[in-house]
Each structure stands twice: as structure tokens, then as C-alpha cells.
Amino acid sequence: MAISNFIPEVWTASALDTLKNTLVAEAVCDMSYNSEVADYGDTIHILKHAAVADAAYPASSNITYNALSDGTSDLSINVKRYFAFEVPDLDKAQAKPEFVSKATANGAYDIADHFDALLLGEYANASLDSYETGTTDWQFTTATAADVPMMFASLIRQLQAANAPMGARPFLIAPPTLVEAINVFYGGKMTQPNGVLTNGFRGSFFGIDVYVSNNCTNETSSDHGLCGCTGQSIALVYQLKKMEALRLEGRFSDGVRSLVDGGLKTYRPEI
């Protein structure tokens, strides 16, 4: 396989396709800096432009030009993930490239899952929290499904009060318990993609795109979801750096390995 059946471009495309199709993070993050990934340890400077203030037009027609000020938020390429697996000659003879293709997809999925877990951990960098009352968490069970519209209304109000960009699409990544409550609230009549059992898009409710994730951080007995504006709050970059095969020394086996570099940064915590 390492000599005759391994085509790096084919397996790389397969891994990238799996990454894109399974990353909840890619669906909601700002991916515009992805083309700038170079090497592990690099830093990407994200410009944060300040608001431009207006003023009354003077009778003298002598208008004032204000100097633009901006800041930067630095995204570090500090995530390095890999997968590697062994393909014994016997398995190779029986399954041929299909064996490698499926294993490659599984490895890429695990890397995507890692980036999703990193994204969900960004709740700690958000400037806003959302509670049912005071500091009491939103509670979702089959008995409290009636709280579903109140939570969505609260999230929309908070985004509006924070001057979220006009036209931006709000998103919410939540644990399966919230999706269960939505199902109960809608009486099982909601429309959603079929066959989505783990991380993935579940539908739009009250103008918010809802994703379910098993990677929501649990801390102090609370599951922390993540809400923001799609493509406006968090930047994600990742790049598959290597996909290669080699003959394993001292074994009747080939090896396949892949390396991904990336990073993630919340640059607008206020939304």
C-alpha cells in the first residue's frame, strides 16, 4: 500500500472532507484567516476596528477627520494534532484502499472533535453570561420545556443590547438536554436533519441556528453552551500539514500518519 496504493492527494482530500463535514466549529467560526496558516508557532494578527463617530455638520463646512484607531487580537497557531495507524499486510490484502479510507476518515473525525471541544471551552472568554434568573442556570427537562422560548428571547435581547452586527446570524451550541427540551416543546414536530446523533446542526429556532454538541464543558455541575454571531466572534484556523504512508520497520505492515496544525481565538467576546 505504501508503495502502490497510497495516493497522498486522495487521502488528504478524504481527511479534509471529513474535517469540514464534522466541525461544528467551522460552521460558526470566522474562517477568513484559514489561508494564512503557515507553521506551528506562528501568530495571526486580527484587526479590531474601532467605531467611527459622527458629528453635526458645521456651518463653516470645515469638517474634522478623526484618526482611526484599532487594536489587534492575536491568534496563535498552537494546536498540533495527529493520527497514525498501522495496516497489516493481511488486512491490506483483504480490504485494500477501503480499509485506509475509513480509518483516515475516523482519524480526521477525532481531530475535528478536538477542535470542537476547544471551541466549546471558549465560553470562559465570553463577556456575557445568560441565566434564567440572577445566577441561576437555565434548567431544561421534560417538565421545564416551557422555558425554551424564554431562553431564546433572552439570548436575542442580550445580543441586541451588545450591538451585535446587523444581519449577523446568531448561533447556539448546546448539549443534548436542550435539544430534548426543544423536541418536547415542539411536540416532536420540529424539522431537523435526519440521522444526526452527535455534533451537528439541529435547526433554526426563533432566528437562532442551534447545534448540538457532546463537547459542552461541564464545570461545577453545569453544562456550558456557547452563543454568538456566526463568523463574527471567534476565529478558527487549521490546516492539514502532512498525509503520508511508510513501510514500518520490523513489521509486515504499512503505516499511515497525518498532522494538523491550527488555532482558535475569541476576538469579539462582547457578543
Protein backbone atom coordinates (compact mmCIF):
# COMPACT_ATOMS: atom_id res chain seq x y z
CA MET A 1 0.00 0.00 0.00
CA ALA A 2 2.74 2.45 0.90
CA ILE A 3 4.32 1.87 -2.49
CA SER A 4 1.48 1.08 -4.88
CA ASN A 5 -1.92 2.02 -3.44
CA PHE A 6 -1.22 5.15 -1.38
CA ILE A 7 -2.11 8.38 -3.16
CA PRO A 8 -1.50 11.31 -0.75
CA GLU A 9 -3.85 13.66 -2.59
CA VAL A 10 -6.75 11.19 -2.33
CA TRP A 11 -6.34 10.54 1.38
CA THR A 12 -5.72 14.23 2.10
CA ALA A 13 -8.94 15.17 0.31
CA SER A 14 -10.80 12.48 2.25
CA ALA A 15 -9.45 13.75 5.58
CA LEU A 16 -10.22 17.39 4.75
CA ASP A 17 -13.75 16.49 3.68
CA THR A 18 -14.32 14.70 6.98
CA LEU A 19 -12.92 17.65 8.94
CA LYS A 20 -15.19 20.13 7.18
CA ASN A 21 -18.29 17.97 7.42
CA THR A 22 -17.91 17.21 11.12
CA LEU A 23 -16.63 20.51 12.51
CA VAL A 24 -19.40 22.38 14.30
CA ALA A 25 -16.67 24.96 14.85
CA GLU A 26 -16.24 25.54 11.12
CA ALA A 27 -19.96 26.24 10.74
CA VAL A 28 -19.99 29.11 13.27
CA CYS A 29 -16.44 30.48 13.36
CA ASP A 30 -14.74 33.13 11.27
CA MET A 31 -12.67 31.07 8.81
CA SER A 32 -11.33 34.01 6.79
CA TYR A 33 -7.85 33.65 8.28
CA ASN A 34 -7.54 29.98 7.41
CA SER A 35 -5.48 30.67 4.30
CA GLU A 36 -2.85 32.41 6.43
CA VAL A 37 -1.85 29.31 8.39
CA ALA A 38 1.83 28.68 7.86
CA ASP A 39 3.56 26.75 10.61
CA TYR A 40 3.08 25.74 14.20
CA GLY A 41 4.11 28.62 16.46
CA ASP A 42 3.08 31.37 14.03
CA THR A 43 0.79 34.22 15.11
CA ILE A 44 -2.04 35.78 13.10
CA HIS A 45 -2.93 39.38 13.97
CA ILE A 46 -6.68 40.01 13.79
CA LEU A 47 -7.54 43.71 13.38
CA LYS A 48 -10.30 45.06 15.59
CA HIS A 49 -11.51 48.36 14.15
CA ALA A 50 -12.93 50.97 16.47
CA ALA A 51 -16.30 52.60 15.82
CA VAL A 52 -16.36 55.77 13.72
CA ALA A 53 -18.22 58.56 15.50
CA ASP A 54 -20.48 61.01 13.66
CA ALA A 55 -20.85 64.73 14.37
CA ALA A 56 -23.09 67.65 13.44
CA TYR A 57 -22.15 69.23 10.11
CA PRO A 58 -20.57 72.64 10.90
CA ALA A 59 -21.80 75.88 9.36
CA SER A 60 -18.25 76.64 8.23
CA SER A 61 -18.20 73.37 6.26
CA ASN A 62 -14.82 72.62 7.85
CA ILE A 63 -15.22 69.03 8.84
CA THR A 64 -12.86 67.19 11.17
CA TYR A 65 -11.18 63.97 10.17
CA ASN A 66 -10.70 61.70 13.14
CA ALA A 67 -7.76 59.33 13.27
CA LEU A 68 -8.84 55.72 13.07
CA SER A 69 -7.74 53.63 16.00
CA ASP A 70 -7.60 49.90 16.03
CA GLY A 71 -6.30 47.08 18.11
CA THR A 72 -5.24 43.58 17.41
CA SER A 73 -6.18 40.22 18.79
CA ASP A 74 -3.52 37.59 18.29
CA LEU A 75 -4.42 34.09 17.18
CA SER A 76 -1.62 31.64 17.88
CA ILE A 77 -1.13 28.50 15.82
CA ASN A 78 -0.59 26.44 18.94
CA VAL A 79 -2.62 23.29 18.34
CA LYS A 80 -0.85 20.30 16.83
CA ARG A 81 -2.83 17.08 16.40
CA TYR A 82 -2.06 13.87 14.57
CA PHE A 83 -3.38 10.43 13.93
CA ALA A 84 -1.44 7.36 12.88
CA PHE A 85 -2.46 3.77 12.29
CA GLU A 86 -0.97 0.50 11.14
CA VAL A 87 -2.22 -1.51 8.18
CA PRO A 88 -1.05 -5.15 8.42
CA ASP A 89 -0.40 -6.83 5.09
CA LEU A 90 -3.19 -9.37 5.70
CA ASP A 91 -5.82 -6.66 6.26
CA LYS A 92 -4.50 -4.75 3.28
CA ALA A 93 -4.92 -7.76 1.02
CA GLN A 94 -8.47 -8.26 2.21
CA ALA A 95 -9.73 -4.67 2.25
CA LYS A 96 -7.24 -2.76 0.08
CA PRO A 97 -7.73 1.03 -0.06
CA GLU A 98 -11.17 0.96 1.59
CA PHE A 99 -9.53 -0.03 4.87
CA VAL A 100 -7.30 3.04 4.78
CA SER A 101 -10.05 5.36 3.60
CA LYS A 102 -12.34 4.52 6.53
CA ALA A 103 -9.50 4.70 9.05
CA THR A 104 -8.45 8.08 7.64
CA ALA A 105 -11.98 9.42 8.00
CA ASN A 106 -12.12 8.16 11.61
CA GLY A 107 -8.81 9.86 12.42
CA ALA A 108 -9.93 13.12 10.84
CA TYR A 109 -13.20 12.99 12.78
CA ASP A 110 -11.31 12.68 16.07
CA ILE A 111 -9.23 15.76 15.19
CA ALA A 112 -12.41 17.67 14.27
CA ASP A 113 -13.91 16.62 17.59
CA HIS A 114 -10.86 18.02 19.38
CA PHE A 115 -11.27 21.43 17.70
CA ASP A 116 -14.96 21.42 18.61
CA ALA A 117 -14.04 20.79 22.24
CA LEU A 118 -11.63 23.75 22.08
CA LEU A 119 -14.43 25.92 20.68
CA LEU A 120 -16.86 24.96 23.44
CA GLY A 121 -14.22 25.88 26.02
CA GLU A 122 -14.35 29.48 24.73
CA TYR A 123 -17.41 30.08 26.91
CA ALA A 124 -14.86 31.08 29.56
CA ASN A 125 -13.70 34.01 27.38
CA ALA A 126 -17.19 35.40 26.72
CA SER A 127 -18.05 38.78 28.24
CA LEU A 128 -21.72 37.90 28.68
CA ASP A 129 -23.46 35.13 30.60
CA SER A 130 -27.07 34.06 30.21
CA TYR A 131 -29.05 32.91 33.22
CA GLU A 132 -32.66 32.05 33.91
CA THR A 133 -32.71 34.38 36.91
CA GLY A 134 -29.77 36.13 38.55
CA THR A 135 -27.07 33.49 38.66
CA THR A 136 -29.44 30.51 38.34
CA ASP A 137 -28.72 28.36 35.28
CA TRP A 138 -31.31 27.70 32.63
CA GLN A 139 -32.94 24.40 33.53
CA PHE A 140 -34.11 22.02 30.81
CA THR A 141 -36.02 18.81 31.47
CA THR A 142 -39.21 17.40 30.01
CA ALA A 143 -41.00 19.29 32.77
CA THR A 144 -39.32 22.63 32.05
CA ALA A 145 -39.50 22.62 28.26
CA ALA A 146 -41.72 25.70 28.53
CA ASP A 147 -38.55 27.68 29.31
CA VAL A 148 -37.30 27.16 25.73
CA PRO A 149 -38.83 30.33 24.18
CA MET A 150 -37.82 32.43 27.19
CA MET A 151 -34.18 31.42 26.82
CA PHE A 152 -34.11 32.17 23.09
CA ALA A 153 -35.79 35.55 23.66
CA SER A 154 -33.24 36.35 26.35
CA LEU A 155 -30.30 35.47 24.10
CA ILE A 156 -31.62 37.65 21.27
CA ARG A 157 -32.15 40.56 23.67
CA GLN A 158 -28.60 40.23 25.02
CA LEU A 159 -27.09 40.20 21.53
CA GLN A 160 -29.11 43.27 20.53
CA ALA A 161 -28.07 45.10 23.70
CA ALA A 162 -24.43 44.23 22.92
CA ASN A 163 -24.74 45.85 19.45
CA ALA A 164 -24.21 42.61 17.58
CA PRO A 165 -23.59 43.30 13.86
CA MET A 166 -26.73 43.91 11.83
CA GLY A 167 -27.56 40.97 9.64
CA ALA A 168 -25.32 38.57 11.57
CA ARG A 169 -26.80 35.11 12.10
CA PRO A 170 -26.90 34.15 15.80
CA PHE A 171 -25.86 30.63 16.75
CA LEU A 172 -26.21 28.49 19.84
CA ILE A 173 -24.21 25.34 20.56
CA ALA A 174 -25.89 23.38 23.31
CA PRO A 175 -25.83 19.96 24.99
CA PRO A 176 -28.34 17.23 24.05
CA THR A 177 -30.54 18.12 27.04
CA LEU A 178 -31.55 21.39 25.37
CA VAL A 179 -32.36 19.64 22.10
CA GLU A 180 -34.53 17.22 24.06
CA ALA A 181 -36.38 20.17 25.60
CA ILE A 182 -36.87 21.73 22.14
CA ASN A 183 -38.28 18.42 20.91
CA VAL A 184 -40.71 18.35 23.84
CA PHE A 185 -41.70 21.99 23.36
CA TYR A 186 -42.45 21.44 19.68
CA GLY A 187 -44.21 18.16 20.35
CA GLY A 188 -41.83 16.27 18.08
CA LYS A 189 -42.93 18.34 15.07
CA MET A 190 -39.72 20.29 14.59
CA THR A 191 -37.83 19.81 11.35
CA GLN A 192 -34.17 18.85 11.57
CA PRO A 193 -31.60 16.86 9.62
CA ASN A 194 -32.13 13.13 9.85
CA GLY A 195 -29.56 10.83 11.36
CA VAL A 196 -27.61 13.49 13.27
CA LEU A 197 -26.75 11.80 16.54
CA THR A 198 -23.67 13.66 17.76
CA ASN A 199 -22.28 17.09 16.93
CA GLY A 200 -24.28 18.82 14.23
CA PHE A 201 -26.92 21.29 13.09
CA ARG A 202 -30.37 20.67 14.56
CA GLY A 203 -32.43 23.52 13.13
CA SER A 204 -33.23 27.23 13.48
CA PHE A 205 -35.45 28.43 16.31
CA PHE A 206 -36.53 32.00 16.99
CA GLY A 207 -33.92 33.18 14.48
CA ILE A 208 -31.03 31.30 16.13
CA ASP A 209 -29.19 28.40 14.47
CA VAL A 210 -28.94 25.59 17.00
CA TYR A 211 -26.18 22.99 17.05
CA VAL A 212 -25.93 20.08 19.44
CA SER A 213 -22.56 19.02 20.82
CA ASN A 214 -21.36 16.37 23.21
CA ASN A 215 -18.32 18.57 23.92
CA CYS A 216 -20.07 21.20 26.04
CA THR A 217 -17.83 21.80 29.05
CA ASN A 218 -19.23 20.60 32.35
CA GLU A 219 -17.96 22.59 35.28
CA THR A 220 -19.40 22.99 38.79
CA SER A 221 -22.32 20.72 37.81
CA SER A 222 -23.32 22.95 34.88
CA ASP A 223 -23.13 22.31 31.15
CA HIS A 224 -21.86 25.43 29.41
CA GLY A 225 -23.20 26.14 25.95
CA LEU A 226 -21.91 28.82 23.59
CA CYS A 227 -23.83 31.61 21.85
CA GLY A 228 -22.63 34.27 19.44
CA CYS A 229 -22.84 35.55 15.87
CA THR A 230 -21.80 33.27 13.03
CA GLY A 231 -18.47 34.31 11.56
CA GLN A 232 -18.25 37.39 13.82
CA SER A 233 -17.00 36.29 17.23
CA ILE A 234 -14.40 33.52 17.09
CA ALA A 235 -11.68 32.85 14.52
CA LEU A 236 -10.66 29.29 13.70
CA VAL A 237 -7.74 28.20 11.55
CA TYR A 238 -6.49 24.72 10.82
CA GLN A 239 -4.50 23.11 8.08
CA LEU A 240 -3.69 19.51 7.26
CA LYS A 241 0.07 19.69 7.02
CA LYS A 242 1.03 16.13 6.16
CA MET A 243 -0.54 12.92 4.96
CA GLU A 244 1.92 10.16 4.28
CA ALA A 245 2.48 6.42 4.32
CA LEU A 246 5.59 4.44 5.10
CA ARG A 247 6.76 0.87 5.50
CA LEU A 248 7.07 0.10 9.20
CA GLU A 249 10.47 -1.26 10.12
CA GLY A 250 10.50 -4.78 11.52
CA ARG A 251 6.83 -5.44 10.71
CA PHE A 252 4.77 -6.84 7.87
CA SER A 253 2.77 -3.64 7.89
CA ASP A 254 2.41 -0.19 6.40
CA GLY A 255 1.80 2.93 8.47
CA VAL A 256 -0.35 5.95 7.69
CA ARG A 257 0.01 9.22 9.55
CA SER A 258 -1.40 12.71 9.33
CA LEU A 259 -0.63 16.03 11.03
CA VAL A 260 -2.90 19.06 11.52
CA ASP A 261 -1.86 22.50 12.81
CA GLY A 262 -4.36 25.08 13.98
CA GLY A 263 -5.57 27.60 16.49
CA LEU A 264 -8.68 29.33 17.79
CA LYS A 265 -9.31 32.80 19.20
CA THR A 266 -12.29 34.74 20.56
CA TYR A 267 -11.75 38.26 19.24
CA ARG A 268 -15.17 39.78 19.98
CA PRO A 269 -16.05 38.48 23.45
CA GLU A 270 -18.74 41.14 23.89
CA ILE A 271 -21.06 39.26 21.51
